[in-house]
Amino acid sequence: MSQTTLKLSVLATLLLLAGGISAQADETFTVRIENVSADNALKLSNGKAEPVGVAPVLYVVHTDRGPLFTAGQPDRGKGLEALAEDGPTGPLEKSLKGQPGIVHVGAADTPVGASSSGDIWPGQAFEFKVTAKPG
């Protein structure tokens, strides 16, 4: 086999493989964030111990660097500070939707099996699904 034929065969194989990859169906992943802390994880100054809750979760798929904050710079006033201090995902989620470089933004604010939103406590979890293309 000549080098030209070999190169064409390799190129055809690569194109077939690439075509097969792009034709693959999207994959859906379930992301689970579980509070695995102990019931007495937070040691108080009075000697008592309490459980630690995890606030609702905001997730962002983006193409830009630093869509939420810039290290060493003040909060941008879009809802990140409120999320960090009090846990509401809504203001930041709303401010990010439709912004350049933001592919998708979502939140998980209801613990698995619960009927209303809130923090997750030891043994509880948040779950959300993300769909992505292979590669």
Protein backbone atom coordinates (compact mmCIF):
# COMPACT_ATOMS: atom_id res chain seq x y z
CA MET A 1 0.00 0.00 0.00
CA SER A 2 1.38 3.41 -0.93
CA GLN A 3 1.80 6.22 1.60
CA THR A 4 -0.91 8.26 -0.15
CA THR A 5 -3.40 5.38 0.10
CA LEU A 6 -2.49 4.83 3.74
CA LYS A 7 -2.95 8.53 4.53
CA LEU A 8 -6.37 8.56 2.80
CA SER A 9 -7.41 5.41 4.68
CA VAL A 10 -6.39 6.95 8.00
CA LEU A 11 -8.20 10.20 7.12
CA ALA A 12 -11.36 8.29 6.12
CA THR A 13 -11.24 6.30 9.36
CA LEU A 14 -10.84 9.49 11.41
CA LEU A 15 -13.74 11.14 9.59
CA LEU A 16 -15.93 8.09 10.21
CA LEU A 17 -14.99 8.10 13.88
CA ALA A 18 -15.62 11.82 14.19
CA GLY A 19 -18.94 11.41 12.44
CA GLY A 20 -19.87 8.64 14.86
CA ILE A 21 -18.95 10.80 17.83
CA SER A 22 -20.97 13.78 16.69
CA ALA A 23 -23.94 11.52 15.94
CA GLN A 24 -23.96 10.15 19.48
CA ALA A 25 -26.90 11.17 21.59
CA ASP A 26 -26.60 13.75 24.33
CA GLU A 27 -25.78 12.32 27.75
CA THR A 28 -27.76 13.25 30.84
CA PHE A 29 -25.94 13.25 34.16
CA THR A 30 -27.48 13.42 37.61
CA VAL A 31 -25.39 15.57 39.94
CA ARG A 32 -25.92 14.78 43.62
CA ILE A 33 -24.70 17.05 46.40
CA GLU A 34 -25.04 15.29 49.72
CA ASN A 35 -24.47 16.68 53.19
CA VAL A 36 -22.17 14.07 54.71
CA SER A 37 -21.32 16.06 57.84
CA ALA A 38 -21.94 14.63 61.30
CA ASP A 39 -24.93 15.73 63.39
CA ASN A 40 -22.48 17.40 65.81
CA ALA A 41 -20.09 18.94 63.25
CA LEU A 42 -20.42 22.54 64.44
CA LYS A 43 -18.78 23.01 67.85
CA LEU A 44 -20.20 26.08 69.59
CA SER A 45 -18.40 28.28 72.11
CA ASN A 46 -20.84 27.14 74.83
CA GLY A 47 -19.61 23.56 74.42
CA LYS A 48 -22.68 22.34 72.55
CA ALA A 49 -22.58 20.90 69.04
CA GLU A 50 -25.07 21.30 66.20
CA PRO A 51 -25.51 19.99 62.66
CA VAL A 52 -24.38 22.06 59.67
CA GLY A 53 -26.78 22.82 56.84
CA VAL A 54 -25.83 23.31 53.21
CA ALA A 55 -27.65 26.14 51.42
CA PRO A 56 -29.33 25.69 48.02
CA VAL A 57 -27.01 25.30 45.06
CA LEU A 58 -26.61 27.47 41.97
CA TYR A 59 -24.81 25.97 38.97
CA VAL A 60 -23.54 27.74 35.85
CA VAL A 61 -22.29 26.38 32.53
CA HIS A 62 -20.25 29.15 30.93
CA THR A 63 -17.63 29.94 28.34
CA ASP A 64 -16.24 33.12 29.92
CA ARG A 65 -13.64 33.35 32.65
CA GLY A 66 -14.98 34.59 35.96
CA PRO A 67 -18.69 34.94 35.19
CA LEU A 68 -19.54 35.29 38.90
CA PHE A 69 -16.68 37.26 40.44
CA THR A 70 -13.16 38.54 39.98
CA ALA A 71 -10.69 37.70 42.74
CA GLY A 72 -9.76 40.76 44.78
CA GLN A 73 -12.65 42.83 43.38
CA PRO A 74 -15.88 43.89 45.15
CA ASP A 75 -19.10 41.96 44.60
CA ARG A 76 -20.75 42.90 41.30
CA GLY A 77 -24.16 43.40 42.92
CA LYS A 78 -25.79 40.64 40.87
CA GLY A 79 -26.76 38.36 43.77
CA LEU A 80 -23.57 36.46 44.64
CA GLU A 81 -23.15 38.16 48.01
CA ALA A 82 -26.77 37.41 48.94
CA LEU A 83 -26.30 33.77 47.92
CA ALA A 84 -23.12 33.49 49.98
CA GLU A 85 -24.61 35.11 53.07
CA ASP A 86 -28.25 34.01 53.07
CA GLY A 87 -28.65 31.27 50.46
CA PRO A 88 -31.23 32.57 47.95
CA THR A 89 -30.29 31.45 44.43
CA GLY A 90 -32.99 33.42 42.59
CA PRO A 91 -31.38 36.88 42.30
CA LEU A 92 -28.07 35.60 40.91
CA GLU A 93 -29.77 33.03 38.69
CA LYS A 94 -32.02 35.74 37.21
CA SER A 95 -29.14 38.19 36.66
CA LEU A 96 -27.04 35.56 34.82
CA LYS A 97 -29.69 34.27 32.41
CA GLY A 98 -29.16 35.61 28.91
CA GLN A 99 -25.77 37.15 29.69
CA PRO A 100 -22.95 36.71 27.14
CA GLY A 101 -20.90 33.57 27.82
CA ILE A 102 -23.60 31.93 29.97
CA VAL A 103 -24.69 28.67 28.36
CA HIS A 104 -27.01 27.53 31.15
CA VAL A 105 -27.79 28.51 34.73
CA GLY A 106 -29.93 26.61 37.18
CA ALA A 107 -30.49 25.93 40.84
CA ALA A 108 -31.24 23.05 43.17
CA ASP A 109 -33.10 24.36 46.18
CA THR A 110 -35.38 21.51 47.22
CA PRO A 111 -33.84 18.57 49.07
CA VAL A 112 -34.46 15.14 47.52
CA GLY A 113 -37.81 13.86 48.80
CA ALA A 114 -38.88 17.23 50.25
CA SER A 115 -41.91 19.20 49.12
CA SER A 116 -40.45 22.66 49.68
CA SER A 117 -37.13 24.43 49.28
CA GLY A 118 -34.56 24.72 52.03
CA ASP A 119 -31.12 23.74 53.24
CA ILE A 120 -29.93 20.14 53.32
CA TRP A 121 -28.98 18.71 56.69
CA PRO A 122 -26.79 15.67 57.46
CA GLY A 123 -27.95 12.74 55.34
CA GLN A 124 -29.97 14.89 52.91
CA ALA A 125 -29.09 15.82 49.32
CA PHE A 126 -29.81 18.10 46.39
CA GLU A 127 -29.93 16.64 42.89
CA PHE A 128 -30.10 18.17 39.45
CA LYS A 129 -29.62 16.94 35.89
CA VAL A 130 -27.19 18.28 33.30
CA THR A 131 -27.30 17.29 29.64
CA ALA A 132 -24.09 17.43 27.61
CA LYS A 133 -22.81 16.38 24.24
CA PRO A 134 -19.99 13.79 24.17
CA GLY A 135 -16.58 15.43 24.20
